[in-house]
């Protein structure tokens, strides 16, 4: 790959034994057993155990803190005590070089992967740490996969993805508009779209046969259980020369 890693922290296995590799990630845990130091190195893809046996390297990492970012070079060896709960649980890295890329403070405002409740205002203040939480991290990755699945299916069905304007004139629907002041025209305002309704109908009149968009919608209303206050995304599509049954057929294919 590059100077920071040849593999990620979730892909090494027994087939890689005796290979020289380089990994980068965040320190999940450090266990100092006196003559040997073990580091659990984490990235988006998994966790790999690092073994630090040389005295020189142990001195280098003795002040290393959890959630610090490090780069590790070393040889893949078979793990003596295997961990069946990890995809990399049969191997470990015997480190020959460790570089600290970003040192974290000794005391974090909250633990990253814990079931303990953390105040929402504190989580938002340190959002970059909150996003490292496995559950939250996986939720965001799942959202990415859902959007990709929708796009792939709509493309398969012959729909063209077209982005409609965000700043436009007001077209009142069921809620209040979010307004954006115009810099060039004092006293005038743009409105954020509550839905791309008018734009997608213009596309049909303009001769586009099948349109879709994973559209951001902005509504100045109280929050609901199924959406964030004021902002949410929805799958919008429009079809020319179609019947109600044609629309139902697309919906049934996209959301089986």
C-alpha atoms as a PDB file:
ATOM      1  CA  UNK A   1       0.000   0.000   0.000  1.00  0.00           C
ATOM      2  CA  UNK A   2       2.048   2.975   1.268  1.00  0.00           C
ATOM      3  CA  UNK A   3       4.464   4.085   3.993  1.00  0.00           C
ATOM      4  CA  UNK A   4       1.785   3.718   6.683  1.00  0.00           C
ATOM      5  CA  UNK A   5       0.453   0.221   6.007  1.00  0.00           C
ATOM      6  CA  UNK A   6       0.697  -2.828   3.810  1.00  0.00           C
ATOM      7  CA  UNK A   7      -2.396  -4.425   5.365  1.00  0.00           C
ATOM      8  CA  UNK A   8      -5.286  -3.375   7.576  1.00  0.00           C
ATOM      9  CA  UNK A   9      -5.859  -4.643  11.114  1.00  0.00           C
ATOM     10  CA  UNK A  10      -8.549  -7.139  10.132  1.00  0.00           C
ATOM     11  CA  UNK A  11      -7.093  -9.109   7.229  1.00  0.00           C
ATOM     12  CA  UNK A  12      -3.974 -10.918   8.452  1.00  0.00           C
ATOM     13  CA  UNK A  13      -4.180 -14.656   9.120  1.00  0.00           C
ATOM     14  CA  UNK A  14      -2.024 -17.806   9.184  1.00  0.00           C
ATOM     15  CA  UNK A  15      -1.290 -17.490   5.455  1.00  0.00           C
ATOM     16  CA  UNK A  16       0.682 -14.320   6.245  1.00  0.00           C
ATOM     17  CA  UNK A  17       3.013 -15.964   8.798  1.00  0.00           C
ATOM     18  CA  UNK A  18       6.692 -14.930   8.321  1.00  0.00           C
ATOM     19  CA  UNK A  19       5.711 -11.945   6.164  1.00  0.00           C
ATOM     20  CA  UNK A  20       7.041  -8.473   6.987  1.00  0.00           C
ATOM     21  CA  UNK A  21       4.071  -6.138   7.316  1.00  0.00           C
ATOM     22  CA  UNK A  22       3.234  -2.596   8.348  1.00  0.00           C
ATOM     23  CA  UNK A  23       0.031  -1.593  10.153  1.00  0.00           C
ATOM     24  CA  UNK A  24      -1.386   1.713  11.341  1.00  0.00           C
ATOM     25  CA  UNK A  25      -4.239   2.336  13.715  1.00  0.00           C
ATOM     26  CA  UNK A  26      -5.311   3.334  17.193  1.00  0.00           C
ATOM     27  CA  UNK A  27      -4.143   1.753  20.425  1.00  0.00           C
ATOM     28  CA  UNK A  28      -7.083  -0.092  21.933  1.00  0.00           C
ATOM     29  CA  UNK A  29      -5.274  -1.569  24.920  1.00  0.00           C
ATOM     30  CA  UNK A  30      -1.737  -1.898  26.314  1.00  0.00           C
ATOM     31  CA  UNK A  31      -0.728  -4.813  28.552  1.00  0.00           C
ATOM     32  CA  UNK A  32       2.733  -4.582  30.129  1.00  0.00           C
ATOM     33  CA  UNK A  33       3.787  -7.988  31.466  1.00  0.00           C
ATOM     34  CA  UNK A  34       7.276  -6.924  32.457  1.00  0.00           C
ATOM     35  CA  UNK A  35       9.464  -8.707  29.943  1.00  0.00           C
ATOM     36  CA  UNK A  36       6.934  -8.253  27.153  1.00  0.00           C
ATOM     37  CA  UNK A  37       4.381  -5.646  26.116  1.00  0.00           C
ATOM     38  CA  UNK A  38       1.204  -6.447  24.182  1.00  0.00           C
ATOM     39  CA  UNK A  39      -0.681  -3.792  22.207  1.00  0.00           C
ATOM     40  CA  UNK A  40      -4.128  -4.264  20.681  1.00  0.00           C
ATOM     41  CA  UNK A  41      -4.043  -2.176  17.491  1.00  0.00           C
ATOM     42  CA  UNK A  42      -7.433  -1.195  16.038  1.00  0.00           C
ATOM     43  CA  UNK A  43      -8.653   0.297  12.798  1.00  0.00           C
ATOM     44  CA  UNK A  44     -11.999   0.224  10.986  1.00  0.00           C
ATOM     45  CA  UNK A  45     -11.453  -3.374   9.858  1.00  0.00           C
ATOM     46  CA  UNK A  46     -10.505  -5.125  13.088  1.00  0.00           C
ATOM     47  CA  UNK A  47      -7.906  -5.615  15.826  1.00  0.00           C
ATOM     48  CA  UNK A  48      -4.406  -7.109  15.585  1.00  0.00           C
ATOM     49  CA  UNK A  49      -2.218  -7.963  18.572  1.00  0.00           C
ATOM     50  CA  UNK A  50       1.271  -6.452  18.564  1.00  0.00           C
ATOM     51  CA  UNK A  51       4.104  -7.994  20.615  1.00  0.00           C
ATOM     52  CA  UNK A  52       6.923  -5.725  21.777  1.00  0.00           C
ATOM     53  CA  UNK A  53       9.795  -7.818  23.098  1.00  0.00           C
ATOM     54  CA  UNK A  54      12.939  -5.719  22.601  1.00  0.00           C
ATOM     55  CA  UNK A  55      13.946  -3.464  25.502  1.00  0.00           C
ATOM     56  CA  UNK A  56      14.597  -0.547  23.158  1.00  0.00           C
ATOM     57  CA  UNK A  57      11.069  -0.638  21.747  1.00  0.00           C
ATOM     58  CA  UNK A  58       9.551  -1.160  25.195  1.00  0.00           C
ATOM     59  CA  UNK A  59      11.218   2.041  26.376  1.00  0.00           C
ATOM     60  CA  UNK A  60       9.856   3.785  23.305  1.00  0.00           C
ATOM     61  CA  UNK A  61       6.266   2.745  23.962  1.00  0.00           C
ATOM     62  CA  UNK A  62       6.224   2.828  27.770  1.00  0.00           C
ATOM     63  CA  UNK A  63       4.415   6.166  27.779  1.00  0.00           C
ATOM     64  CA  UNK A  64       2.056   5.280  24.961  1.00  0.00           C
ATOM     65  CA  UNK A  65      -1.610   5.896  25.791  1.00  0.00           C
ATOM     66  CA  UNK A  66      -4.830   4.310  24.581  1.00  0.00           C
ATOM     67  CA  UNK A  67      -6.362   5.912  21.476  1.00  0.00           C
ATOM     68  CA  UNK A  68      -2.945   7.143  20.323  1.00  0.00           C
ATOM     69  CA  UNK A  69      -2.310   6.630  16.599  1.00  0.00           C
ATOM     70  CA  UNK A  70       0.752   4.510  15.800  1.00  0.00           C
ATOM     71  CA  UNK A  71       2.458   2.804  12.852  1.00  0.00           C
ATOM     72  CA  UNK A  72       3.937  -0.656  13.485  1.00  0.00           C
ATOM     73  CA  UNK A  73       6.366  -2.662  11.339  1.00  0.00           C
ATOM     74  CA  UNK A  74       7.178  -6.279  12.087  1.00  0.00           C
ATOM     75  CA  UNK A  75       6.896  -9.959  11.217  1.00  0.00           C
ATOM     76  CA  UNK A  76       3.690 -11.976  11.361  1.00  0.00           C
ATOM     77  CA  UNK A  77       4.066 -14.933  13.746  1.00  0.00           C
ATOM     78  CA  UNK A  78       1.705 -17.619  14.996  1.00  0.00           C
ATOM     79  CA  UNK A  79      -0.008 -16.683  18.209  1.00  0.00           C
ATOM     80  CA  UNK A  80       0.630 -18.949  21.178  1.00  0.00           C
ATOM     81  CA  UNK A  81      -2.707 -18.296  22.886  1.00  0.00           C
ATOM     82  CA  UNK A  82      -5.205 -17.959  20.055  1.00  0.00           C
ATOM     83  CA  UNK A  83      -8.316 -15.795  20.291  1.00  0.00           C
ATOM     84  CA  UNK A  84     -11.273 -17.302  18.385  1.00  0.00           C
ATOM     85  CA  UNK A  85     -13.271 -14.078  18.827  1.00  0.00           C
ATOM     86  CA  UNK A  86     -10.973 -12.157  16.452  1.00  0.00           C
ATOM     87  CA  UNK A  87     -10.523 -12.676  12.716  1.00  0.00           C
ATOM     88  CA  UNK A  88      -6.792 -12.135  13.377  1.00  0.00           C
ATOM     89  CA  UNK A  89      -6.829 -14.262  16.536  1.00  0.00           C
ATOM     90  CA  UNK A  90      -4.403 -16.900  15.208  1.00  0.00           C
ATOM     91  CA  UNK A  91      -1.525 -14.499  14.568  1.00  0.00           C
ATOM     92  CA  UNK A  92       0.285 -11.530  16.081  1.00  0.00           C
ATOM     93  CA  UNK A  93       2.927  -9.059  14.935  1.00  0.00           C
ATOM     94  CA  UNK A  94       6.411  -9.243  16.426  1.00  0.00           C
ATOM     95  CA  UNK A  95       7.250  -5.534  16.232  1.00  0.00           C
ATOM     96  CA  UNK A  96      10.660  -4.304  15.083  1.00  0.00           C
ATOM     97  CA  UNK A  97       9.685  -0.647  14.770  1.00  0.00           C
ATOM     98  CA  UNK A  98       6.906   1.531  16.209  1.00  0.00           C
ATOM     99  CA  UNK A  99       6.277   5.151  15.264  1.00  0.00           C
ATOM    100  CA  UNK A 100       3.839   7.298  17.229  1.00  0.00           C
ATOM    101  CA  UNK A 101       1.848   9.268  14.666  1.00  0.00           C
ATOM    102  CA  UNK A 102      -0.385  11.079  17.130  1.00  0.00           C
ATOM    103  CA  UNK A 103      -0.139  10.876  20.914  1.00  0.00           C
ATOM    104  CA  UNK A 104      -3.394  10.980  22.848  1.00  0.00           C
ATOM    105  CA  UNK A 105      -3.832  12.612  26.248  1.00  0.00           C
ATOM    106  CA  UNK A 106      -3.420  10.388  29.290  1.00  0.00           C
ATOM    107  CA  UNK A 107      -6.996  11.041  30.433  1.00  0.00           C
ATOM    108  CA  UNK A 108      -9.859  10.814  27.959  1.00  0.00           C
ATOM    109  CA  UNK A 109     -13.181  12.598  28.559  1.00  0.00           C
ATOM    110  CA  UNK A 110     -14.922   9.180  28.320  1.00  0.00           C
ATOM    111  CA  UNK A 111     -14.150   5.579  27.419  1.00  0.00           C
ATOM    112  CA  UNK A 112     -14.524   4.783  23.748  1.00  0.00           C
ATOM    113  CA  UNK A 113     -16.005   1.267  23.672  1.00  0.00           C
ATOM    114  CA  UNK A 114     -18.082   0.928  26.790  1.00  0.00           C
ATOM    115  CA  UNK A 115     -21.680   0.232  27.727  1.00  0.00           C
ATOM    116  CA  UNK A 116     -21.532   3.044  30.254  1.00  0.00           C
ATOM    117  CA  UNK A 117     -23.853   5.938  29.448  1.00  0.00           C
ATOM    118  CA  UNK A 118     -22.046   9.120  28.396  1.00  0.00           C
ATOM    119  CA  UNK A 119     -23.686  12.543  28.397  1.00  0.00           C
ATOM    120  CA  UNK A 120     -24.765  13.552  24.903  1.00  0.00           C
ATOM    121  CA  UNK A 121     -23.281  17.049  25.151  1.00  0.00           C
ATOM    122  CA  UNK A 122     -19.907  15.532  26.101  1.00  0.00           C
ATOM    123  CA  UNK A 123     -20.079  13.051  23.213  1.00  0.00           C
ATOM    124  CA  UNK A 124     -20.819  15.859  20.758  1.00  0.00           C
ATOM    125  CA  UNK A 125     -18.030  18.044  22.156  1.00  0.00           C
ATOM    126  CA  UNK A 126     -15.562  15.204  21.480  1.00  0.00           C
ATOM    127  CA  UNK A 127     -17.325  13.869  18.402  1.00  0.00           C
ATOM    128  CA  UNK A 128     -14.093  12.547  16.858  1.00  0.00           C
ATOM    129  CA  UNK A 129     -13.753  10.199  19.846  1.00  0.00           C
ATOM    130  CA  UNK A 130     -17.448   9.325  19.863  1.00  0.00           C
ATOM    131  CA  UNK A 131     -17.208   8.242  16.218  1.00  0.00           C
ATOM    132  CA  UNK A 132     -14.599   5.631  17.202  1.00  0.00           C
ATOM    133  CA  UNK A 133     -17.226   3.800  19.243  1.00  0.00           C
ATOM    134  CA  UNK A 134     -17.779   0.444  17.528  1.00  0.00           C
ATOM    135  CA  UNK A 135     -21.577   0.541  17.608  1.00  0.00           C
ATOM    136  CA  UNK A 136     -21.847   4.091  16.284  1.00  0.00           C
ATOM    137  CA  UNK A 137     -19.084   3.461  13.748  1.00  0.00           C
ATOM    138  CA  UNK A 138     -20.866   0.362  12.415  1.00  0.00           C
ATOM    139  CA  UNK A 139     -24.183   2.232  12.194  1.00  0.00           C
ATOM    140  CA  UNK A 140     -22.606   4.833   9.909  1.00  0.00           C
ATOM    141  CA  UNK A 141     -20.988   2.129   7.764  1.00  0.00           C
ATOM    142  CA  UNK A 142     -24.350   0.345   7.560  1.00  0.00           C
ATOM    143  CA  UNK A 143     -25.957   3.566   6.323  1.00  0.00           C
ATOM    144  CA  UNK A 144     -23.296   3.736   3.599  1.00  0.00           C
ATOM    145  CA  UNK A 145     -24.115   0.162   2.531  1.00  0.00           C
ATOM    146  CA  UNK A 146     -27.857   0.897   2.475  1.00  0.00           C
ATOM    147  CA  UNK A 147     -27.319   3.936   0.233  1.00  0.00           C
ATOM    148  CA  UNK A 148     -25.064   1.927  -2.084  1.00  0.00           C
ATOM    149  CA  UNK A 149     -27.671  -0.840  -2.315  1.00  0.00           C
ATOM    150  CA  UNK A 150     -30.356   1.711  -3.222  1.00  0.00           C
ATOM    151  CA  UNK A 151     -28.147   3.315  -5.865  1.00  0.00           C
ATOM    152  CA  UNK A 152     -27.165  -0.039  -7.372  1.00  0.00           C
ATOM    153  CA  UNK A 153     -30.787  -1.173  -7.574  1.00  0.00           C
ATOM    154  CA  UNK A 154     -32.056   2.083  -9.090  1.00  0.00           C
ATOM    155  CA  UNK A 155     -29.239   2.003 -11.630  1.00  0.00           C
ATOM    156  CA  UNK A 156     -30.136  -1.606 -12.466  1.00  0.00           C
ATOM    157  CA  UNK A 157     -33.734  -0.500 -13.070  1.00  0.00           C
ATOM    158  CA  UNK A 158     -32.601   2.180 -15.527  1.00  0.00           C
ATOM    159  CA  UNK A 159     -32.963   5.289 -13.365  1.00  0.00           C
ATOM    160  CA  UNK A 160     -30.575   8.233 -13.751  1.00  0.00           C
ATOM    161  CA  UNK A 161     -29.303   9.850 -10.537  1.00  0.00           C
ATOM    162  CA  UNK A 162     -29.707  13.620 -10.742  1.00  0.00           C
ATOM    163  CA  UNK A 163     -29.041  16.135  -7.944  1.00  0.00           C
ATOM    164  CA  UNK A 164     -31.625  18.897  -7.633  1.00  0.00           C
ATOM    165  CA  UNK A 165     -30.844  22.385  -6.226  1.00  0.00           C
ATOM    166  CA  UNK A 166     -30.544  22.961  -2.481  1.00  0.00           C
ATOM    167  CA  UNK A 167     -30.901  26.760  -2.527  1.00  0.00           C
ATOM    168  CA  UNK A 168     -34.167  27.756  -4.210  1.00  0.00           C
ATOM    169  CA  UNK A 169     -37.338  29.745  -3.752  1.00  0.00           C
ATOM    170  CA  UNK A 170     -39.840  28.667  -1.131  1.00  0.00           C
ATOM    171  CA  UNK A 171     -42.408  26.026  -2.033  1.00  0.00           C
ATOM    172  CA  UNK A 172     -44.389  25.532   1.193  1.00  0.00           C
ATOM    173  CA  UNK A 173     -45.415  22.008   2.082  1.00  0.00           C
ATOM    174  CA  UNK A 174     -46.383  20.601   5.460  1.00  0.00           C
ATOM    175  CA  UNK A 175     -43.811  22.421   7.611  1.00  0.00           C
ATOM    176  CA  UNK A 176     -41.953  25.693   7.955  1.00  0.00           C
ATOM    177  CA  UNK A 177     -39.009  26.391   5.643  1.00  0.00           C
ATOM    178  CA  UNK A 178     -35.418  26.898   6.679  1.00  0.00           C
ATOM    179  CA  UNK A 179     -34.421  30.282   5.211  1.00  0.00           C
ATOM    180  CA  UNK A 180     -30.970  31.396   4.006  1.00  0.00           C
ATOM    181  CA  UNK A 181     -30.392  35.175   3.626  1.00  0.00           C
ATOM    182  CA  UNK A 182     -29.212  36.355   0.204  1.00  0.00           C
ATOM    183  CA  UNK A 183     -25.935  38.279   0.254  1.00  0.00           C
ATOM    184  CA  UNK A 184     -26.531  40.008  -3.083  1.00  0.00           C
ATOM    185  CA  UNK A 185     -30.172  40.915  -2.478  1.00  0.00           C
ATOM    186  CA  UNK A 186     -30.683  42.317   1.051  1.00  0.00           C
ATOM    187  CA  UNK A 187     -34.051  41.393   2.523  1.00  0.00           C
ATOM    188  CA  UNK A 188     -34.448  38.439   0.148  1.00  0.00           C
ATOM    189  CA  UNK A 189     -34.089  34.799   1.184  1.00  0.00           C
ATOM    190  CA  UNK A 190     -33.501  31.362  -0.276  1.00  0.00           C
ATOM    191  CA  UNK A 191     -35.305  28.379   1.192  1.00  0.00           C
ATOM    192  CA  UNK A 192     -33.891  24.911   1.768  1.00  0.00           C
ATOM    193  CA  UNK A 193     -36.129  22.329   0.035  1.00  0.00           C
ATOM    194  CA  UNK A 194     -38.620  20.361   2.109  1.00  0.00           C
ATOM    195  CA  UNK A 195     -38.580  17.859  -0.779  1.00  0.00           C
ATOM    196  CA  UNK A 196     -37.424  18.005  -4.432  1.00  0.00           C
ATOM    197  CA  UNK A 197     -41.031  17.787  -5.625  1.00  0.00           C
ATOM    198  CA  UNK A 198     -41.118  20.604  -8.172  1.00  0.00           C
ATOM    199  CA  UNK A 199     -37.633  19.912  -9.487  1.00  0.00           C
ATOM    200  CA  UNK A 200     -38.243  16.241 -10.163  1.00  0.00           C
ATOM    201  CA  UNK A 201     -41.498  17.042 -11.981  1.00  0.00           C
ATOM    202  CA  UNK A 202     -39.605  19.578 -14.104  1.00  0.00           C
ATOM    203  CA  UNK A 203     -37.206  16.794 -15.036  1.00  0.00           C
ATOM    204  CA  UNK A 204     -40.104  14.702 -16.323  1.00  0.00           C
ATOM    205  CA  UNK A 205     -41.463  17.621 -18.354  1.00  0.00           C
ATOM    206  CA  UNK A 206     -37.912  18.199 -19.604  1.00  0.00           C
ATOM    207  CA  UNK A 207     -37.757  14.739 -21.135  1.00  0.00           C
ATOM    208  CA  UNK A 208     -35.892  12.643 -18.558  1.00  0.00           C
ATOM    209  CA  UNK A 209     -37.547   9.230 -18.479  1.00  0.00           C
ATOM    210  CA  UNK A 210     -36.530   7.911 -15.048  1.00  0.00           C
ATOM    211  CA  UNK A 211     -35.005  10.000 -12.265  1.00  0.00           C
ATOM    212  CA  UNK A 212     -33.952   9.180  -8.726  1.00  0.00           C
ATOM    213  CA  UNK A 213     -32.166  10.961  -5.927  1.00  0.00           C
ATOM    214  CA  UNK A 214     -31.307  10.203  -2.322  1.00  0.00           C
ATOM    215  CA  UNK A 215     -32.502  13.648  -1.409  1.00  0.00           C
ATOM    216  CA  UNK A 216     -31.812  15.762   1.688  1.00  0.00           C
ATOM    217  CA  UNK A 217     -35.022  17.301   3.002  1.00  0.00           C
ATOM    218  CA  UNK A 218     -35.109  20.250   5.386  1.00  0.00           C
ATOM    219  CA  UNK A 219     -38.152  21.031   7.503  1.00  0.00           C
ATOM    220  CA  UNK A 220     -38.230  23.480  10.383  1.00  0.00           C
ATOM    221  CA  UNK A 221     -40.327  21.296  12.658  1.00  0.00           C
ATOM    222  CA  UNK A 222     -40.071  19.537  15.990  1.00  0.00           C
ATOM    223  CA  UNK A 223     -38.021  16.318  15.975  1.00  0.00           C
ATOM    224  CA  UNK A 224     -39.778  12.997  15.410  1.00  0.00           C
ATOM    225  CA  UNK A 225     -38.817   9.517  16.487  1.00  0.00           C
ATOM    226  CA  UNK A 226     -37.733   8.472  12.984  1.00  0.00           C
ATOM    227  CA  UNK A 227     -35.703  11.520  11.937  1.00  0.00           C
ATOM    228  CA  UNK A 228     -33.299  14.180  13.161  1.00  0.00           C
ATOM    229  CA  UNK A 229     -34.778  17.618  13.848  1.00  0.00           C
ATOM    230  CA  UNK A 230     -35.016  19.568  10.625  1.00  0.00           C
ATOM    231  CA  UNK A 231     -33.059  17.246   8.333  1.00  0.00           C
ATOM    232  CA  UNK A 232     -33.502  13.774   6.875  1.00  0.00           C
ATOM    233  CA  UNK A 233     -32.843  11.885   3.628  1.00  0.00           C
ATOM    234  CA  UNK A 234     -35.335  10.036   1.465  1.00  0.00           C
ATOM    235  CA  UNK A 235     -35.306   8.067  -1.781  1.00  0.00           C
ATOM    236  CA  UNK A 236     -37.124  10.143  -4.411  1.00  0.00           C
ATOM    237  CA  UNK A 237     -37.889   8.907  -7.901  1.00  0.00           C
ATOM    238  CA  UNK A 238     -40.065   9.945 -10.802  1.00  0.00           C
ATOM    239  CA  UNK A 239     -41.090   8.079 -13.968  1.00  0.00           C
ATOM    240  CA  UNK A 240     -42.467   9.406 -17.241  1.00  0.00           C
ATOM    241  CA  UNK A 241     -45.441   7.763 -18.941  1.00  0.00           C
ATOM    242  CA  UNK A 242     -46.020   5.344 -16.079  1.00  0.00           C
ATOM    243  CA  UNK A 243     -48.991   4.000 -14.161  1.00  0.00           C
ATOM    244  CA  UNK A 244     -49.513   3.487 -10.458  1.00  0.00           C
ATOM    245  CA  UNK A 245     -48.687  -0.199 -10.907  1.00  0.00           C
ATOM    246  CA  UNK A 246     -45.365   0.725 -12.541  1.00  0.00           C
ATOM    247  CA  UNK A 247     -44.460   2.782  -9.471  1.00  0.00           C
ATOM    248  CA  UNK A 248     -45.519  -0.022  -7.104  1.00  0.00           C
ATOM    249  CA  UNK A 249     -43.371  -2.491  -9.085  1.00  0.00           C
ATOM    250  CA  UNK A 250     -40.273  -0.329  -8.628  1.00  0.00           C
ATOM    251  CA  UNK A 251     -40.950   0.049  -4.899  1.00  0.00           C
ATOM    252  CA  UNK A 252     -41.404  -3.694  -4.500  1.00  0.00           C
ATOM    253  CA  UNK A 253     -38.076  -4.335  -6.257  1.00  0.00           C
ATOM    254  CA  UNK A 254     -36.183  -1.729  -4.251  1.00  0.00           C
ATOM    255  CA  UNK A 255     -37.745  -2.511  -0.849  1.00  0.00           C
ATOM    256  CA  UNK A 256     -38.671  -6.212  -1.022  1.00  0.00           C
END
